[in-house]
């Protein structure tokens, strides 16, 4: 193989080495020591032991070689890109090393914190705690836009039974609504149901032609809306709504509040951990701060 640019040398050994089946049905490509180099990129080397566990068990010789070629090619491509990056930003080496050191420190600290928290962090959040947090922080749950519980339906334009279907759609009777849904399902009329949980009104109106720009003004005066084009008649019913600036209902915020409570507990525990480590190091005289007065 030619030595081009990066001095890439793939040892195309795969055609010449013996492949033996182990008793565990894994293919033994090489001995598991570090002595055999199977690919190089510049000064970097890929050893047989690096790929020994990457070939799936039970493969025949041809499939094993194909898998090995793919693994080696992936490694070579990655190393070539790394070499190119190092050459391109060679003058920024110190900055890169500092970033790597910072990332390593952050990763080690995070792993340590996660292991330390196991068994210490109370993950039980009661309904009472959620309500207490909501009541004490209500201003943090102001709505940035109106939310609704709503229903949408689309039926063919000019349908003979259009008026009857509209009456059933508007009805507050559960039986009428169920009959309406059954008819839509039978005839494959499209419906969207947002009545089970609070939804941003901006999300709801994406499912229907809607030209009103002031959502709050519309919701203050309308509970039903319909619009028709050449193909369809669209209907929207607003069962409940809350305007911009109102409080988001607690049932909509329960999940967020739980995360907030758990995060506060987590931060408190980690603060205690940091203090205890600092105090222990101070008592052991493990550090010294030298600031000239």
C-alpha atoms as a PDB file:
ATOM      1  CA  UNK A   1       0.000   0.000   0.000  1.00  0.00           C
ATOM      2  CA  UNK A   2       1.315   3.487  -0.812  1.00  0.00           C
ATOM      3  CA  UNK A   3       2.333   5.779   2.002  1.00  0.00           C
ATOM      4  CA  UNK A   4       0.136   8.799   1.308  1.00  0.00           C
ATOM      5  CA  UNK A   5      -0.006  11.938   3.487  1.00  0.00           C
ATOM      6  CA  UNK A   6      -0.592  10.465   6.889  1.00  0.00           C
ATOM      7  CA  UNK A   7       1.649   7.467   6.502  1.00  0.00           C
ATOM      8  CA  UNK A   8      -1.386   5.245   6.773  1.00  0.00           C
ATOM      9  CA  UNK A   9      -0.480   1.586   6.710  1.00  0.00           C
ATOM     10  CA  UNK A  10      -3.282  -0.898   7.042  1.00  0.00           C
ATOM     11  CA  UNK A  11      -1.818  -4.298   7.562  1.00  0.00           C
ATOM     12  CA  UNK A  12      -3.917  -6.196   5.066  1.00  0.00           C
ATOM     13  CA  UNK A  13      -3.094  -9.274   6.978  1.00  0.00           C
ATOM     14  CA  UNK A  14      -6.637 -10.480   6.857  1.00  0.00           C
ATOM     15  CA  UNK A  15      -6.063 -12.585   3.781  1.00  0.00           C
ATOM     16  CA  UNK A  16      -3.113 -14.383   5.235  1.00  0.00           C
ATOM     17  CA  UNK A  17      -3.719 -15.104   8.908  1.00  0.00           C
ATOM     18  CA  UNK A  18      -5.362 -18.220  10.272  1.00  0.00           C
ATOM     19  CA  UNK A  19      -8.780 -17.954  11.869  1.00  0.00           C
ATOM     20  CA  UNK A  20      -9.464 -20.594  14.482  1.00  0.00           C
ATOM     21  CA  UNK A  21     -12.676 -21.198  16.374  1.00  0.00           C
ATOM     22  CA  UNK A  22     -12.453 -21.129  20.144  1.00  0.00           C
ATOM     23  CA  UNK A  23     -14.425 -23.479  22.333  1.00  0.00           C
ATOM     24  CA  UNK A  24     -16.705 -20.580  23.261  1.00  0.00           C
ATOM     25  CA  UNK A  25     -17.467 -20.148  19.515  1.00  0.00           C
ATOM     26  CA  UNK A  26     -15.634 -16.802  19.349  1.00  0.00           C
ATOM     27  CA  UNK A  27     -13.207 -16.404  16.460  1.00  0.00           C
ATOM     28  CA  UNK A  28      -9.613 -16.047  17.575  1.00  0.00           C
ATOM     29  CA  UNK A  29      -8.148 -13.459  15.253  1.00  0.00           C
ATOM     30  CA  UNK A  30      -4.884 -13.033  17.112  1.00  0.00           C
ATOM     31  CA  UNK A  31      -3.256 -13.790  20.397  1.00  0.00           C
ATOM     32  CA  UNK A  32      -4.515 -11.459  23.116  1.00  0.00           C
ATOM     33  CA  UNK A  33      -1.137  -9.882  23.788  1.00  0.00           C
ATOM     34  CA  UNK A  34      -0.007  -6.449  22.652  1.00  0.00           C
ATOM     35  CA  UNK A  35       2.678  -7.751  20.342  1.00  0.00           C
ATOM     36  CA  UNK A  36       0.900  -7.614  17.006  1.00  0.00           C
ATOM     37  CA  UNK A  37       0.149  -4.312  15.310  1.00  0.00           C
ATOM     38  CA  UNK A  38      -2.634  -4.490  12.731  1.00  0.00           C
ATOM     39  CA  UNK A  39      -2.814  -0.856  11.601  1.00  0.00           C
ATOM     40  CA  UNK A  40      -0.913   2.378  12.006  1.00  0.00           C
ATOM     41  CA  UNK A  41      -1.680   6.039  11.397  1.00  0.00           C
ATOM     42  CA  UNK A  42       1.375   8.205  11.797  1.00  0.00           C
ATOM     43  CA  UNK A  43       2.811   7.228  15.151  1.00  0.00           C
ATOM     44  CA  UNK A  44      -0.405   5.656  16.448  1.00  0.00           C
ATOM     45  CA  UNK A  45      -0.844   1.908  16.452  1.00  0.00           C
ATOM     46  CA  UNK A  46      -3.825  -0.406  16.660  1.00  0.00           C
ATOM     47  CA  UNK A  47      -3.099  -3.731  18.336  1.00  0.00           C
ATOM     48  CA  UNK A  48      -4.746  -7.095  17.891  1.00  0.00           C
ATOM     49  CA  UNK A  49      -5.851  -7.097  21.512  1.00  0.00           C
ATOM     50  CA  UNK A  50      -7.671  -3.801  20.956  1.00  0.00           C
ATOM     51  CA  UNK A  51     -10.141  -5.469  18.615  1.00  0.00           C
ATOM     52  CA  UNK A  52     -10.169  -8.979  20.082  1.00  0.00           C
ATOM     53  CA  UNK A  53     -13.536  -8.517  21.806  1.00  0.00           C
ATOM     54  CA  UNK A  54     -15.220  -6.604  19.003  1.00  0.00           C
ATOM     55  CA  UNK A  55     -15.932  -9.478  16.622  1.00  0.00           C
ATOM     56  CA  UNK A  56     -19.240 -11.167  17.342  1.00  0.00           C
ATOM     57  CA  UNK A  57     -19.359 -14.828  18.308  1.00  0.00           C
ATOM     58  CA  UNK A  58     -20.597 -17.422  15.850  1.00  0.00           C
ATOM     59  CA  UNK A  59     -19.525 -15.633  12.668  1.00  0.00           C
ATOM     60  CA  UNK A  60     -17.979 -17.581   9.796  1.00  0.00           C
ATOM     61  CA  UNK A  61     -14.549 -16.686   8.455  1.00  0.00           C
ATOM     62  CA  UNK A  62     -15.793 -14.401   5.687  1.00  0.00           C
ATOM     63  CA  UNK A  63     -18.114 -12.428   7.968  1.00  0.00           C
ATOM     64  CA  UNK A  64     -15.406 -12.172  10.624  1.00  0.00           C
ATOM     65  CA  UNK A  65     -12.960 -10.674   8.135  1.00  0.00           C
ATOM     66  CA  UNK A  66     -15.599  -8.222   6.916  1.00  0.00           C
ATOM     67  CA  UNK A  67     -16.298  -7.149  10.501  1.00  0.00           C
ATOM     68  CA  UNK A  68     -12.582  -6.772  11.182  1.00  0.00           C
ATOM     69  CA  UNK A  69     -12.045  -4.658   8.070  1.00  0.00           C
ATOM     70  CA  UNK A  70     -14.909  -2.386   9.152  1.00  0.00           C
ATOM     71  CA  UNK A  71     -13.494  -1.973  12.675  1.00  0.00           C
ATOM     72  CA  UNK A  72     -10.004  -1.182  11.394  1.00  0.00           C
ATOM     73  CA  UNK A  73     -11.290   1.241   8.774  1.00  0.00           C
ATOM     74  CA  UNK A  74     -13.325   3.097  11.396  1.00  0.00           C
ATOM     75  CA  UNK A  75     -10.258   3.383  13.638  1.00  0.00           C
ATOM     76  CA  UNK A  76      -8.073   4.628  10.761  1.00  0.00           C
ATOM     77  CA  UNK A  77     -10.608   7.274   9.750  1.00  0.00           C
ATOM     78  CA  UNK A  78     -10.893   8.524  13.325  1.00  0.00           C
ATOM     79  CA  UNK A  79      -7.123   8.737  13.747  1.00  0.00           C
ATOM     80  CA  UNK A  80      -6.695  10.540  10.426  1.00  0.00           C
ATOM     81  CA  UNK A  81      -9.245  13.137  11.488  1.00  0.00           C
ATOM     82  CA  UNK A  82      -7.540  13.524  14.873  1.00  0.00           C
ATOM     83  CA  UNK A  83      -4.170  13.981  13.194  1.00  0.00           C
ATOM     84  CA  UNK A  84      -5.629  16.595  10.855  1.00  0.00           C
ATOM     85  CA  UNK A  85      -7.158  18.452  13.789  1.00  0.00           C
ATOM     86  CA  UNK A  86      -3.869  18.399  15.695  1.00  0.00           C
ATOM     87  CA  UNK A  87      -2.010  19.768  12.692  1.00  0.00           C
ATOM     88  CA  UNK A  88      -4.592  22.475  12.035  1.00  0.00           C
ATOM     89  CA  UNK A  89      -4.610  23.809  15.596  1.00  0.00           C
ATOM     90  CA  UNK A  90      -1.059  22.962  16.593  1.00  0.00           C
ATOM     91  CA  UNK A  91      -0.488  26.482  17.873  1.00  0.00           C
ATOM     92  CA  UNK A  92      -3.366  26.132  20.310  1.00  0.00           C
ATOM     93  CA  UNK A  93      -2.020  23.074  22.070  1.00  0.00           C
ATOM     94  CA  UNK A  94      -1.893  24.603  25.538  1.00  0.00           C
ATOM     95  CA  UNK A  95      -5.490  25.752  25.291  1.00  0.00           C
ATOM     96  CA  UNK A  96      -6.638  22.309  24.165  1.00  0.00           C
ATOM     97  CA  UNK A  97      -4.734  20.603  26.972  1.00  0.00           C
ATOM     98  CA  UNK A  98      -6.316  22.971  29.468  1.00  0.00           C
ATOM     99  CA  UNK A  99      -9.769  22.183  28.103  1.00  0.00           C
ATOM    100  CA  UNK A 100      -9.039  18.453  28.322  1.00  0.00           C
ATOM    101  CA  UNK A 101      -7.849  18.854  31.903  1.00  0.00           C
ATOM    102  CA  UNK A 102     -10.965  20.828  32.817  1.00  0.00           C
ATOM    103  CA  UNK A 103     -13.210  18.265  31.159  1.00  0.00           C
ATOM    104  CA  UNK A 104     -11.440  15.440  32.974  1.00  0.00           C
ATOM    105  CA  UNK A 105     -11.823  17.241  36.293  1.00  0.00           C
ATOM    106  CA  UNK A 106     -15.506  17.909  35.646  1.00  0.00           C
ATOM    107  CA  UNK A 107     -16.154  14.316  34.563  1.00  0.00           C
ATOM    108  CA  UNK A 108     -14.357  12.843  37.580  1.00  0.00           C
ATOM    109  CA  UNK A 109     -16.226  15.156  39.962  1.00  0.00           C
ATOM    110  CA  UNK A 110     -19.564  14.323  38.358  1.00  0.00           C
ATOM    111  CA  UNK A 111     -18.955  10.568  38.571  1.00  0.00           C
ATOM    112  CA  UNK A 112     -17.877  10.904  42.187  1.00  0.00           C
ATOM    113  CA  UNK A 113     -20.928  12.984  43.059  1.00  0.00           C
ATOM    114  CA  UNK A 114     -23.326  10.535  41.418  1.00  0.00           C
ATOM    115  CA  UNK A 115     -21.850   7.580  43.301  1.00  0.00           C
ATOM    116  CA  UNK A 116     -21.803   9.517  46.574  1.00  0.00           C
ATOM    117  CA  UNK A 117     -25.464  10.503  46.203  1.00  0.00           C
ATOM    118  CA  UNK A 118     -26.601   6.872  45.912  1.00  0.00           C
ATOM    119  CA  UNK A 119     -28.410   6.011  49.120  1.00  0.00           C
ATOM    120  CA  UNK A 120     -28.221   9.591  50.390  1.00  0.00           C
ATOM    121  CA  UNK A 121     -30.639  11.420  48.079  1.00  0.00           C
ATOM    122  CA  UNK A 122     -34.251  11.039  49.125  1.00  0.00           C
ATOM    123  CA  UNK A 123     -36.202  10.720  45.870  1.00  0.00           C
ATOM    124  CA  UNK A 124     -39.643  10.596  47.481  1.00  0.00           C
ATOM    125  CA  UNK A 125     -41.687  13.717  46.716  1.00  0.00           C
ATOM    126  CA  UNK A 126     -45.149  13.784  48.262  1.00  0.00           C
ATOM    127  CA  UNK A 127     -48.242  15.483  46.905  1.00  0.00           C
ATOM    128  CA  UNK A 128     -48.205  17.807  49.918  1.00  0.00           C
ATOM    129  CA  UNK A 129     -44.651  18.894  49.135  1.00  0.00           C
ATOM    130  CA  UNK A 130     -45.613  19.596  45.531  1.00  0.00           C
ATOM    131  CA  UNK A 131     -48.621  21.688  46.599  1.00  0.00           C
ATOM    132  CA  UNK A 132     -46.530  23.561  49.175  1.00  0.00           C
ATOM    133  CA  UNK A 133     -43.915  24.449  46.586  1.00  0.00           C
ATOM    134  CA  UNK A 134     -46.578  25.527  44.102  1.00  0.00           C
ATOM    135  CA  UNK A 135     -48.348  27.737  46.664  1.00  0.00           C
ATOM    136  CA  UNK A 136     -45.101  29.333  47.817  1.00  0.00           C
ATOM    137  CA  UNK A 137     -43.792  30.001  44.317  1.00  0.00           C
ATOM    138  CA  UNK A 138     -46.923  30.792  42.320  1.00  0.00           C
ATOM    139  CA  UNK A 139     -45.411  33.763  40.517  1.00  0.00           C
ATOM    140  CA  UNK A 140     -42.903  31.395  38.969  1.00  0.00           C
ATOM    141  CA  UNK A 141     -45.755  29.622  37.204  1.00  0.00           C
ATOM    142  CA  UNK A 142     -47.237  32.539  35.275  1.00  0.00           C
ATOM    143  CA  UNK A 143     -48.276  31.618  31.759  1.00  0.00           C
ATOM    144  CA  UNK A 144     -46.299  33.135  28.885  1.00  0.00           C
ATOM    145  CA  UNK A 145     -49.220  32.379  26.562  1.00  0.00           C
ATOM    146  CA  UNK A 146     -52.777  31.025  26.835  1.00  0.00           C
ATOM    147  CA  UNK A 147     -53.405  27.330  27.404  1.00  0.00           C
ATOM    148  CA  UNK A 148     -56.532  25.357  26.586  1.00  0.00           C
ATOM    149  CA  UNK A 149     -58.346  22.072  26.716  1.00  0.00           C
ATOM    150  CA  UNK A 150     -59.777  21.777  23.235  1.00  0.00           C
ATOM    151  CA  UNK A 151     -61.023  19.534  20.437  1.00  0.00           C
ATOM    152  CA  UNK A 152     -60.588  19.782  16.666  1.00  0.00           C
ATOM    153  CA  UNK A 153     -62.369  17.995  13.818  1.00  0.00           C
ATOM    154  CA  UNK A 154     -62.130  18.065  10.037  1.00  0.00           C
ATOM    155  CA  UNK A 155     -65.007  16.913   7.863  1.00  0.00           C
ATOM    156  CA  UNK A 156     -65.556  17.140   4.078  1.00  0.00           C
ATOM    157  CA  UNK A 157     -66.801  20.493   2.822  1.00  0.00           C
ATOM    158  CA  UNK A 158     -70.429  20.579   1.675  1.00  0.00           C
ATOM    159  CA  UNK A 159     -71.347  17.450   3.598  1.00  0.00           C
ATOM    160  CA  UNK A 160     -75.117  16.962   3.797  1.00  0.00           C
ATOM    161  CA  UNK A 161     -74.995  16.069   7.503  1.00  0.00           C
ATOM    162  CA  UNK A 162     -72.664  18.964   8.292  1.00  0.00           C
ATOM    163  CA  UNK A 163     -75.144  20.855  10.515  1.00  0.00           C
ATOM    164  CA  UNK A 164     -76.014  17.748  12.542  1.00  0.00           C
ATOM    165  CA  UNK A 165     -72.339  16.872  13.019  1.00  0.00           C
ATOM    166  CA  UNK A 166     -71.589  20.428  14.108  1.00  0.00           C
ATOM    167  CA  UNK A 167     -74.340  20.267  16.749  1.00  0.00           C
ATOM    168  CA  UNK A 168     -72.995  16.991  18.071  1.00  0.00           C
ATOM    169  CA  UNK A 169     -69.465  18.413  18.107  1.00  0.00           C
ATOM    170  CA  UNK A 170     -70.560  21.484  20.063  1.00  0.00           C
ATOM    171  CA  UNK A 171     -72.700  19.520  22.521  1.00  0.00           C
ATOM    172  CA  UNK A 172     -71.688  19.258  26.130  1.00  0.00           C
ATOM    173  CA  UNK A 173     -73.371  15.875  26.385  1.00  0.00           C
ATOM    174  CA  UNK A 174     -70.873  13.034  26.579  1.00  0.00           C
ATOM    175  CA  UNK A 175     -73.163  10.764  24.560  1.00  0.00           C
ATOM    176  CA  UNK A 176     -73.304  13.257  21.688  1.00  0.00           C
ATOM    177  CA  UNK A 177     -69.546  13.603  21.716  1.00  0.00           C
ATOM    178  CA  UNK A 178     -69.038   9.850  21.650  1.00  0.00           C
ATOM    179  CA  UNK A 179     -71.515   9.511  18.765  1.00  0.00           C
ATOM    180  CA  UNK A 180     -69.642  12.242  16.908  1.00  0.00           C
ATOM    181  CA  UNK A 181     -66.309  10.467  17.398  1.00  0.00           C
ATOM    182  CA  UNK A 182     -67.804   7.158  16.268  1.00  0.00           C
ATOM    183  CA  UNK A 183     -69.092   8.754  13.069  1.00  0.00           C
ATOM    184  CA  UNK A 184     -65.703  10.376  12.422  1.00  0.00           C
ATOM    185  CA  UNK A 185     -63.902   7.106  13.014  1.00  0.00           C
ATOM    186  CA  UNK A 186     -66.275   5.183  10.757  1.00  0.00           C
ATOM    187  CA  UNK A 187     -65.896   7.707   7.935  1.00  0.00           C
ATOM    188  CA  UNK A 188     -62.215   8.438   8.567  1.00  0.00           C
ATOM    189  CA  UNK A 189     -62.818  12.094   9.396  1.00  0.00           C
ATOM    190  CA  UNK A 190     -59.771  13.545  11.110  1.00  0.00           C
ATOM    191  CA  UNK A 191     -60.020  14.582  14.783  1.00  0.00           C
ATOM    192  CA  UNK A 192     -57.525  15.934  17.315  1.00  0.00           C
ATOM    193  CA  UNK A 193     -58.305  15.710  21.032  1.00  0.00           C
ATOM    194  CA  UNK A 194     -56.525  18.117  23.392  1.00  0.00           C
ATOM    195  CA  UNK A 195     -59.184  17.906  26.088  1.00  0.00           C
ATOM    196  CA  UNK A 196     -57.380  15.474  28.405  1.00  0.00           C
ATOM    197  CA  UNK A 197     -54.632  17.882  29.453  1.00  0.00           C
ATOM    198  CA  UNK A 198     -53.715  21.544  29.215  1.00  0.00           C
ATOM    199  CA  UNK A 199     -51.996  22.460  25.948  1.00  0.00           C
ATOM    200  CA  UNK A 200     -50.513  25.677  24.612  1.00  0.00           C
ATOM    201  CA  UNK A 201     -53.103  27.290  22.351  1.00  0.00           C
ATOM    202  CA  UNK A 202     -50.351  28.000  19.836  1.00  0.00           C
ATOM    203  CA  UNK A 203     -49.858  24.238  19.514  1.00  0.00           C
ATOM    204  CA  UNK A 204     -53.565  23.567  19.033  1.00  0.00           C
ATOM    205  CA  UNK A 205     -54.095  26.072  16.217  1.00  0.00           C
ATOM    206  CA  UNK A 206     -51.310  24.523  14.139  1.00  0.00           C
ATOM    207  CA  UNK A 207     -53.831  21.815  13.300  1.00  0.00           C
ATOM    208  CA  UNK A 208     -56.400  24.154  11.788  1.00  0.00           C
ATOM    209  CA  UNK A 209     -56.411  27.174   9.427  1.00  0.00           C
ATOM    210  CA  UNK A 210     -56.314  30.087  11.868  1.00  0.00           C
ATOM    211  CA  UNK A 211     -55.590  33.723  11.109  1.00  0.00           C
ATOM    212  CA  UNK A 212     -56.241  35.400  14.487  1.00  0.00           C
ATOM    213  CA  UNK A 213     -53.068  37.000  15.845  1.00  0.00           C
ATOM    214  CA  UNK A 214     -54.266  37.890  19.356  1.00  0.00           C
ATOM    215  CA  UNK A 215     -54.967  34.556  21.020  1.00  0.00           C
ATOM    216  CA  UNK A 216     -56.205  36.026  24.300  1.00  0.00           C
ATOM    217  CA  UNK A 217     -58.736  38.296  22.606  1.00  0.00           C
ATOM    218  CA  UNK A 218     -60.059  35.356  20.630  1.00  0.00           C
ATOM    219  CA  UNK A 219     -60.357  33.072  23.657  1.00  0.00           C
ATOM    220  CA  UNK A 220     -62.142  35.707  25.718  1.00  0.00           C
ATOM    221  CA  UNK A 221     -65.038  35.828  23.269  1.00  0.00           C
ATOM    222  CA  UNK A 222     -65.131  32.492  21.470  1.00  0.00           C
ATOM    223  CA  UNK A 223     -65.687  28.894  22.491  1.00  0.00           C
ATOM    224  CA  UNK A 224     -66.281  27.537  19.009  1.00  0.00           C
ATOM    225  CA  UNK A 225     -64.556  28.279  15.746  1.00  0.00           C
ATOM    226  CA  UNK A 226     -65.082  26.976  12.253  1.00  0.00           C
ATOM    227  CA  UNK A 227     -63.500  27.688   8.906  1.00  0.00           C
ATOM    228  CA  UNK A 228     -63.980  26.122   5.496  1.00  0.00           C
ATOM    229  CA  UNK A 229     -61.956  25.778   2.334  1.00  0.00           C
ATOM    230  CA  UNK A 230     -62.626  23.995  -0.958  1.00  0.00           C
ATOM    231  CA  UNK A 231     -62.043  20.566   0.549  1.00  0.00           C
ATOM    232  CA  UNK A 232     -62.792  20.610   4.257  1.00  0.00           C
ATOM    233  CA  UNK A 233     -64.710  22.205   7.069  1.00  0.00           C
ATOM    234  CA  UNK A 234     -62.630  22.633  10.214  1.00  0.00           C
ATOM    235  CA  UNK A 235     -64.187  22.928  13.681  1.00  0.00           C
ATOM    236  CA  UNK A 236     -62.538  23.791  16.987  1.00  0.00           C
ATOM    237  CA  UNK A 237     -64.179  23.672  20.430  1.00  0.00           C
ATOM    238  CA  UNK A 238     -62.543  25.273  23.488  1.00  0.00           C
ATOM    239  CA  UNK A 239     -63.659  23.447  26.635  1.00  0.00           C
ATOM    240  CA  UNK A 240     -61.454  25.376  29.091  1.00  0.00           C
ATOM    241  CA  UNK A 241     -58.805  28.060  28.816  1.00  0.00           C
ATOM    242  CA  UNK A 242     -56.438  30.143  30.911  1.00  0.00           C
ATOM    243  CA  UNK A 243     -55.125  33.455  29.555  1.00  0.00           C
ATOM    244  CA  UNK A 244     -51.600  34.800  29.358  1.00  0.00           C
ATOM    245  CA  UNK A 245     -50.380  35.882  32.800  1.00  0.00           C
ATOM    246  CA  UNK A 246     -52.660  33.522  34.691  1.00  0.00           C
ATOM    247  CA  UNK A 247     -51.219  30.746  36.826  1.00  0.00           C
ATOM    248  CA  UNK A 248     -50.369  27.479  35.151  1.00  0.00           C
ATOM    249  CA  UNK A 249     -52.507  24.708  36.738  1.00  0.00           C
ATOM    250  CA  UNK A 250     -50.682  22.595  39.273  1.00  0.00           C
ATOM    251  CA  UNK A 251     -51.434  19.389  37.387  1.00  0.00           C
ATOM    252  CA  UNK A 252     -49.454  20.812  34.477  1.00  0.00           C
ATOM    253  CA  UNK A 253     -46.492  21.678  36.675  1.00  0.00           C
ATOM    254  CA  UNK A 254     -46.297  18.586  38.904  1.00  0.00           C
ATOM    255  CA  UNK A 255     -43.462  17.001  36.918  1.00  0.00           C
ATOM    256  CA  UNK A 256     -41.441  20.221  36.840  1.00  0.00           C
ATOM    257  CA  UNK A 257     -41.950  20.833  40.558  1.00  0.00           C
ATOM    258  CA  UNK A 258     -40.789  17.326  41.382  1.00  0.00           C
ATOM    259  CA  UNK A 259     -37.585  17.904  39.379  1.00  0.00           C
ATOM    260  CA  UNK A 260     -37.039  21.255  41.134  1.00  0.00           C
ATOM    261  CA  UNK A 261     -37.467  19.733  44.602  1.00  0.00           C
ATOM    262  CA  UNK A 262     -35.113  16.849  43.835  1.00  0.00           C
ATOM    263  CA  UNK A 263     -32.521  19.214  42.358  1.00  0.00           C
ATOM    264  CA  UNK A 264     -32.650  21.405  45.470  1.00  0.00           C
ATOM    265  CA  UNK A 265     -32.094  18.358  47.663  1.00  0.00           C
ATOM    266  CA  UNK A 266     -29.261  17.262  45.414  1.00  0.00           C
ATOM    267  CA  UNK A 267     -27.555  20.657  45.561  1.00  0.00           C
ATOM    268  CA  UNK A 268     -27.909  20.765  49.347  1.00  0.00           C
ATOM    269  CA  UNK A 269     -26.271  17.357  49.722  1.00  0.00           C
ATOM    270  CA  UNK A 270     -23.478  18.220  47.307  1.00  0.00           C
ATOM    271  CA  UNK A 271     -22.853  21.435  49.213  1.00  0.00           C
ATOM    272  CA  UNK A 272     -22.521  19.389  52.400  1.00  0.00           C
ATOM    273  CA  UNK A 273     -20.132  17.011  50.631  1.00  0.00           C
ATOM    274  CA  UNK A 274     -17.954  19.855  49.396  1.00  0.00           C
ATOM    275  CA  UNK A 275     -17.866  21.457  52.848  1.00  0.00           C
ATOM    276  CA  UNK A 276     -16.930  18.173  54.523  1.00  0.00           C
ATOM    277  CA  UNK A 277     -14.112  17.524  52.029  1.00  0.00           C
ATOM    278  CA  UNK A 278     -12.825  21.056  52.457  1.00  0.00           C
ATOM    279  CA  UNK A 279     -12.920  20.885  56.243  1.00  0.00           C
ATOM    280  CA  UNK A 280     -11.180  17.498  56.307  1.00  0.00           C
ATOM    281  CA  UNK A 281      -8.446  18.758  53.980  1.00  0.00           C
ATOM    282  CA  UNK A 282      -8.012  21.872  56.131  1.00  0.00           C
ATOM    283  CA  UNK A 283      -7.727  19.805  59.328  1.00  0.00           C
ATOM    284  CA  UNK A 284      -5.163  17.531  57.649  1.00  0.00           C
ATOM    285  CA  UNK A 285      -3.258  20.581  56.367  1.00  0.00           C
ATOM    286  CA  UNK A 286      -3.605  19.161  52.853  1.00  0.00           C
ATOM    287  CA  UNK A 287      -3.674  22.585  51.245  1.00  0.00           C
ATOM    288  CA  UNK A 288      -2.232  26.001  51.834  1.00  0.00           C
ATOM    289  CA  UNK A 289      -3.504  29.322  50.606  1.00  0.00           C
ATOM    290  CA  UNK A 290      -0.793  31.934  50.114  1.00  0.00           C
ATOM    291  CA  UNK A 291      -2.273  35.355  49.655  1.00  0.00           C
ATOM    292  CA  UNK A 292      -0.143  38.340  50.559  1.00  0.00           C
ATOM    293  CA  UNK A 293      -1.952  40.892  52.626  1.00  0.00           C
END
